[in-house]
Amino acid sequence: MRSAKAPLEELPRKILILGASGFLGSHLLETLSESVETIGSYMNPKQKLSTNLHKLNATNYQELDSFIVRVAPTVIVNCVGLTDVEACELRPEASWKLNAAIPIRVAGLAKSMNIKFIHISTDHFYSKINSPRSEIAQLIPINQYGYSKLHAEKSILVNNPDSLVLRTNFFGHSNNGKKSILDFAISTLEGGHKINGFDDVVFSPVGIHEISRFLLSEFSERTTGVLNFASTRPLSKYEFMVMVAKARGFSESQVLRSEIRFSNLKVGRPSYLALDPGRLIKDLQYPMPKIENMLEKELAAFV
């Protein structure tokens, strides 16, 4: 085993991305495929996007198990999930099936096949402390999305202790046709409109390219348990929007301060989401870039 200080390097692996037609999954499929053999699964996109993307009904466990056995990957990255908070509240059965039951089953199968399992989780939890939270902080879900994701985390690690659960919040350019927070911000600013930024929502997001870089490194191979994959600088969504505006040459005055508590959202959301990346940076000694550098990289994808 190499030292934690060893430089990042690409490892000869065969990666399977479950849920490769979503925002993060489609990006991972595209970027990881440039370096290692990568296969993706999808359920219902409008069209097949690439030759290494295969249709899979992950809710059919027999089909799911057979697919994984046939592909025989060395690493599984799970991006399957229902991330629309309102949809999770309206369809709790679907939320628990996609966000919990499927990844829990895959974790167990991965253990039996000696496959590294990496599960993409979330920062969408409440806590009694409003400071960046470590992996062992007590977290409290406040909606169906949060409940299903936290249950998945705990059950995955019970079924397969060698799994890696990434708690994260990411931004980047969407290549699956759906607007991300960054797509929305840029299209609004370029349209000459003002944009609202929640001043009372604090998070510690990372660029999607950085997630790809981590997954290609030996850090992801040897790390287990819950890991906060987060930037070192917590900031409000207002501050993030101002950062985006300035980086694209727009005036800070185009970003308006607003508060989530005065919004018309039907489902409650936690407002303090920042994660403490101490384990990532101090223990693993992963070279996490500054958020300004990650933003610059993601903005380069916009033409």
Protein backbone atom coordinates (compact mmCIF):
# COMPACT_ATOMS: atom_id res chain seq x y z
CA MET A 1 0.00 0.00 0.00
CA ARG A 2 1.37 3.39 -0.97
CA SER A 3 1.71 6.22 1.52
CA ALA A 4 -1.18 8.66 1.86
CA LYS A 5 1.24 11.29 0.56
CA ALA A 6 1.68 9.47 -2.75
CA PRO A 7 0.67 11.52 -5.81
CA LEU A 8 -2.67 10.94 -7.46
CA GLU A 9 -2.52 8.40 -10.21
CA GLU A 10 -4.96 6.56 -12.38
CA LEU A 11 -5.53 2.96 -11.37
CA PRO A 12 -6.33 0.07 -13.74
CA ARG A 13 -9.93 -0.59 -12.77
CA LYS A 14 -13.26 -1.39 -14.35
CA ILE A 15 -15.84 1.02 -13.01
CA LEU A 16 -19.61 0.58 -13.13
CA ILE A 17 -21.70 3.71 -12.58
CA LEU A 18 -25.28 2.98 -11.59
CA GLY A 19 -27.51 5.89 -12.54
CA ALA A 20 -25.26 7.23 -15.27
CA SER A 21 -27.92 9.36 -16.98
CA GLY A 22 -28.32 11.79 -14.08
CA PHE A 23 -26.41 15.02 -13.49
CA LEU A 24 -23.45 13.55 -11.61
CA GLY A 25 -23.59 10.07 -13.15
CA SER A 26 -23.49 11.30 -16.75
CA HIS A 27 -20.50 13.50 -15.97
CA LEU A 28 -18.66 10.66 -14.24
CA LEU A 29 -19.32 8.32 -17.17
CA GLU A 30 -17.89 10.85 -19.61
CA THR A 31 -14.81 11.84 -17.62
CA LEU A 32 -13.86 8.48 -16.12
CA SER A 33 -14.20 6.78 -19.52
CA GLU A 34 -11.29 8.90 -20.75
CA SER A 35 -8.96 7.15 -18.29
CA VAL A 36 -10.32 3.73 -17.32
CA GLU A 37 -12.86 1.22 -18.59
CA THR A 38 -16.20 2.62 -17.43
CA ILE A 39 -19.71 1.29 -17.93
CA GLY A 40 -22.92 3.07 -16.99
CA SER A 41 -26.54 2.09 -16.45
CA TYR A 42 -29.67 4.14 -17.03
CA MET A 43 -33.40 3.66 -16.52
CA ASN A 44 -35.37 6.17 -18.56
CA PRO A 45 -33.40 8.70 -20.63
CA LYS A 46 -34.87 9.76 -23.95
CA GLN A 47 -32.10 8.16 -25.94
CA LYS A 48 -29.05 6.01 -25.50
CA LEU A 49 -26.17 8.39 -25.06
CA SER A 50 -23.12 6.19 -25.64
CA THR A 51 -22.03 2.66 -26.40
CA ASN A 52 -20.93 2.05 -22.80
CA LEU A 53 -24.33 3.02 -21.37
CA HIS A 54 -26.80 0.18 -20.80
CA LYS A 55 -30.48 0.14 -19.94
CA LEU A 56 -31.18 -1.35 -16.53
CA ASN A 57 -34.31 -1.49 -14.40
CA ALA A 58 -32.58 -1.30 -11.03
CA THR A 59 -35.90 -1.79 -9.21
CA ASN A 60 -35.96 -5.34 -10.58
CA TYR A 61 -33.50 -7.03 -8.25
CA GLN A 62 -33.04 -10.11 -10.44
CA GLU A 63 -32.17 -7.90 -13.41
CA LEU A 64 -29.95 -5.71 -11.20
CA ASP A 65 -28.01 -8.65 -9.77
CA SER A 66 -27.59 -10.32 -13.17
CA PHE A 67 -26.33 -7.11 -14.73
CA ILE A 68 -23.67 -6.57 -12.07
CA VAL A 69 -22.54 -10.20 -12.27
CA ARG A 70 -22.31 -9.96 -16.07
CA VAL A 71 -20.36 -6.68 -16.06
CA ALA A 72 -18.06 -7.91 -13.25
CA PRO A 73 -16.66 -4.49 -12.31
CA THR A 74 -13.91 -3.90 -9.76
CA VAL A 75 -15.62 -0.72 -8.53
CA ILE A 76 -19.30 0.27 -8.35
CA VAL A 77 -20.21 3.94 -7.96
CA ASN A 78 -23.86 4.35 -7.03
CA CYS A 79 -25.54 7.49 -8.38
CA VAL A 80 -29.06 6.00 -8.43
CA GLY A 81 -31.45 8.14 -6.44
CA LEU A 82 -34.49 10.37 -6.33
CA THR A 83 -33.03 13.79 -5.52
CA ASP A 84 -36.09 15.98 -6.08
CA VAL A 85 -37.07 16.84 -2.50
CA GLU A 86 -40.69 17.57 -3.38
CA ALA A 87 -41.00 14.33 -5.36
CA CYS A 88 -39.60 12.37 -2.42
CA GLU A 89 -42.27 13.83 -0.15
CA LEU A 90 -45.05 13.06 -2.61
CA ARG A 91 -43.71 9.60 -3.46
CA PRO A 92 -42.11 8.24 -0.28
CA GLU A 93 -42.15 4.66 -1.58
CA ALA A 94 -40.11 5.67 -4.62
CA SER A 95 -37.79 7.72 -2.44
CA TRP A 96 -37.01 4.79 -0.16
CA LYS A 97 -36.71 2.34 -3.04
CA LEU A 98 -34.26 4.45 -5.05
CA ASN A 99 -32.38 6.20 -2.25
CA ALA A 100 -32.13 3.31 0.21
CA ALA A 101 -33.31 -0.16 -0.83
CA ILE A 102 -31.37 -0.37 -4.12
CA PRO A 103 -28.00 0.90 -2.82
CA ILE A 104 -28.29 -1.31 0.28
CA ARG A 105 -28.81 -4.36 -1.92
CA VAL A 106 -25.93 -3.43 -4.23
CA ALA A 107 -23.65 -2.94 -1.23
CA GLY A 108 -24.38 -6.48 -0.09
CA LEU A 109 -23.80 -7.94 -3.55
CA ALA A 110 -20.57 -5.96 -3.91
CA LYS A 111 -19.31 -7.44 -0.65
CA SER A 112 -20.04 -10.99 -1.80
CA MET A 113 -18.23 -10.35 -5.11
CA ASN A 114 -15.29 -8.48 -3.56
CA ILE A 115 -16.18 -5.29 -5.46
CA LYS A 116 -15.37 -1.86 -4.05
CA PHE A 117 -18.68 -0.05 -3.44
CA ILE A 118 -18.84 3.76 -3.41
CA HIS A 119 -22.16 5.39 -2.56
CA ILE A 120 -22.90 9.04 -3.28
CA SER A 121 -24.77 10.53 -0.33
CA THR A 122 -25.74 14.07 0.63
CA ASP A 123 -25.29 16.94 3.08
CA HIS A 124 -29.07 17.41 3.32
CA PHE A 125 -29.39 17.00 7.10
CA TYR A 126 -30.08 19.14 10.14
CA SER A 127 -27.85 19.34 13.20
CA LYS A 128 -28.02 21.20 16.51
CA ILE A 129 -24.65 22.77 15.73
CA ASN A 130 -24.18 25.40 13.06
CA SER A 131 -20.54 24.74 12.28
CA PRO A 132 -18.99 22.37 9.72
CA ARG A 133 -19.95 18.83 10.74
CA SER A 134 -17.62 15.89 10.99
CA GLU A 135 -18.49 12.38 9.87
CA ILE A 136 -19.43 11.41 13.44
CA ALA A 137 -21.68 14.40 14.18
CA GLN A 138 -25.28 13.53 15.04
CA LEU A 139 -27.41 14.36 12.00
CA ILE A 140 -31.17 14.72 11.89
CA PRO A 141 -33.18 14.35 8.65
CA ILE A 142 -36.18 16.65 8.26
CA ASN A 143 -37.86 15.27 5.12
CA GLN A 144 -38.32 11.99 3.24
CA TYR A 145 -35.24 12.60 1.12
CA GLY A 146 -33.05 13.04 4.19
CA TYR A 147 -34.55 10.07 6.04
CA SER A 148 -34.00 7.73 3.09
CA LYS A 149 -30.42 8.90 2.48
CA LEU A 150 -29.36 8.63 6.13
CA HIS A 151 -30.91 5.17 6.45
CA ALA A 152 -29.00 4.11 3.34
CA GLU A 153 -25.70 5.33 4.77
CA LYS A 154 -26.09 3.37 7.99
CA SER A 155 -27.39 0.17 6.38
CA ILE A 156 -24.74 0.13 3.63
CA LEU A 157 -21.94 0.22 6.19
CA VAL A 158 -23.60 -2.50 8.28
CA ASN A 159 -23.94 -4.76 5.22
CA ASN A 160 -20.56 -3.87 3.73
CA PRO A 161 -18.12 -2.14 6.11
CA ASP A 162 -15.56 -1.78 3.30
CA SER A 163 -17.90 0.54 1.41
CA LEU A 164 -17.17 4.24 0.99
CA VAL A 165 -20.03 6.67 1.55
CA LEU A 166 -19.34 10.13 0.13
CA ARG A 167 -21.30 12.95 1.74
CA THR A 168 -21.08 15.82 -0.70
CA ASN A 169 -22.74 18.73 -2.49
CA PHE A 170 -21.51 19.40 -6.02
CA PHE A 171 -21.77 21.92 -8.83
CA GLY A 172 -20.88 21.95 -12.50
CA HIS A 173 -22.18 22.15 -16.05
CA SER A 174 -24.97 19.70 -16.77
CA ASN A 175 -24.56 17.51 -19.84
CA ASN A 176 -27.81 15.57 -19.42
CA GLY A 177 -30.16 18.40 -20.41
CA LYS A 178 -31.26 19.37 -16.90
CA LYS A 179 -30.12 22.63 -15.35
CA SER A 180 -27.84 22.48 -12.34
CA ILE A 181 -27.43 25.38 -9.90
CA LEU A 182 -24.51 26.60 -12.01
CA ASP A 183 -26.42 26.28 -15.30
CA PHE A 184 -29.32 28.20 -13.78
CA ALA A 185 -27.08 30.96 -12.42
CA ILE A 186 -25.23 31.52 -15.69
CA SER A 187 -28.30 31.41 -17.94
CA THR A 188 -30.07 33.89 -15.65
CA LEU A 189 -27.11 36.28 -15.50
CA GLU A 190 -26.46 36.08 -19.24
CA GLY A 191 -30.13 36.76 -19.86
CA GLY A 192 -29.69 40.09 -18.12
CA HIS A 193 -31.82 39.11 -15.15
CA LYS A 194 -31.13 39.40 -11.46
CA ILE A 195 -30.72 36.22 -9.47
CA ASN A 196 -31.67 35.42 -5.89
CA GLY A 197 -29.10 33.88 -3.56
CA PHE A 198 -30.11 32.46 -0.20
CA ASP A 199 -28.13 34.27 2.47
CA ASP A 200 -29.32 31.86 5.17
CA VAL A 201 -28.26 28.61 3.45
CA VAL A 202 -24.64 27.64 4.09
CA PHE A 203 -22.87 24.79 2.28
CA SER A 204 -19.40 23.60 1.26
CA PRO A 205 -19.75 22.45 -2.37
CA VAL A 206 -17.18 20.87 -4.67
CA GLY A 207 -16.81 20.80 -8.46
CA ILE A 208 -17.92 17.64 -10.23
CA HIS A 209 -14.51 17.37 -11.92
CA GLU A 210 -12.97 17.08 -8.47
CA ILE A 211 -15.21 14.14 -7.65
CA SER A 212 -14.00 12.44 -10.83
CA ARG A 213 -10.39 13.10 -9.88
CA PHE A 214 -10.94 11.58 -6.45
CA LEU A 215 -12.62 8.48 -7.87
CA LEU A 216 -9.69 7.91 -10.23
CA SER A 217 -7.21 8.12 -7.37
CA GLU A 218 -6.01 5.49 -4.94
CA PHE A 219 -7.62 7.53 -2.15
CA SER A 220 -11.06 6.23 -3.15
CA GLU A 221 -9.81 2.65 -3.37
CA ARG A 222 -8.40 2.44 0.14
CA THR A 223 -10.89 4.63 2.06
CA THR A 224 -13.90 3.15 3.86
CA GLY A 225 -16.77 4.45 5.96
CA VAL A 226 -18.35 7.89 5.73
CA LEU A 227 -16.22 10.61 4.17
CA ASN A 228 -17.09 14.29 3.86
CA PHE A 229 -16.04 15.28 0.36
CA ALA A 230 -16.35 19.02 0.82
CA SER A 231 -14.56 22.29 0.19
CA THR A 232 -12.54 23.89 2.95
CA ARG A 233 -14.52 27.11 2.83
CA PRO A 234 -18.19 27.12 3.88
CA LEU A 235 -20.18 29.87 2.20
CA SER A 236 -23.77 30.93 1.74
CA LYS A 237 -25.57 30.35 -1.53
CA TYR A 238 -25.67 34.14 -1.90
CA GLU A 239 -21.87 34.25 -1.62
CA PHE A 240 -21.58 31.42 -4.14
CA MET A 241 -23.80 33.25 -6.63
CA VAL A 242 -21.73 36.42 -6.21
CA MET A 243 -18.58 34.38 -6.85
CA VAL A 244 -20.13 32.97 -10.05
CA ALA A 245 -21.23 36.43 -11.22
CA LYS A 246 -17.79 37.96 -10.71
CA ALA A 247 -16.05 35.04 -12.39
CA ARG A 248 -18.23 35.57 -15.48
CA GLY A 249 -17.69 39.33 -15.54
CA PHE A 250 -21.06 40.35 -14.16
CA SER A 251 -21.75 42.91 -11.45
CA GLU A 252 -22.30 41.76 -7.89
CA SER A 253 -25.46 43.90 -7.92
CA GLN A 254 -27.13 41.33 -10.21
CA VAL A 255 -27.26 38.94 -7.24
CA LEU A 256 -29.98 39.72 -4.72
CA ARG A 257 -29.95 38.62 -1.10
CA SER A 258 -32.88 36.39 -0.16
CA GLU A 259 -33.74 33.88 2.55
CA ILE A 260 -35.01 30.34 2.17
CA ARG A 261 -37.41 30.81 5.09
CA PHE A 262 -39.34 33.35 3.02
CA SER A 263 -39.44 31.18 -0.11
CA ASN A 264 -42.48 29.28 -1.30
CA LEU A 265 -40.91 25.84 -1.03
CA LYS A 266 -43.50 23.29 0.05
CA VAL A 267 -41.09 20.90 1.77
CA GLY A 268 -38.82 21.95 4.62
CA ARG A 269 -35.08 21.95 3.99
CA PRO A 270 -32.09 22.26 6.32
CA SER A 271 -30.34 25.62 6.00
CA TYR A 272 -26.91 24.79 7.41
CA LEU A 273 -25.25 22.09 5.29
CA ALA A 274 -21.51 22.70 5.65
CA LEU A 275 -19.34 19.62 6.12
CA ASP A 276 -15.97 19.40 7.86
CA PRO A 277 -13.41 17.92 5.41
CA GLY A 278 -10.87 17.26 8.18
CA ARG A 279 -10.70 13.52 7.58
CA LEU A 280 -10.25 14.04 3.84
CA ILE A 281 -7.55 16.69 4.07
CA LYS A 282 -5.74 15.98 7.35
CA ASP A 283 -6.07 12.21 7.71
CA LEU A 284 -6.01 11.15 4.06
CA GLN A 285 -3.94 14.20 3.02
CA TYR A 286 -6.01 14.63 -0.13
CA PRO A 287 -5.03 17.82 -2.01
CA MET A 288 -8.43 19.51 -2.18
CA PRO A 289 -8.27 22.70 -4.32
CA LYS A 290 -9.76 26.00 -3.19
CA ILE A 291 -13.37 26.54 -4.20
CA GLU A 292 -12.28 29.41 -6.49
CA ASN A 293 -10.10 27.00 -8.47
CA MET A 294 -12.85 24.39 -8.68
CA LEU A 295 -15.32 27.02 -9.90
CA GLU A 296 -12.85 28.18 -12.58
CA LYS A 297 -12.54 24.60 -13.83
CA GLU A 298 -16.29 24.06 -13.97
CA LEU A 299 -16.91 27.39 -15.72
CA ALA A 300 -14.46 26.36 -18.44
CA ALA A 301 -17.08 23.80 -19.56
CA PHE A 302 -19.46 26.63 -20.53
CA VAL A 303 -18.98 27.88 -24.08
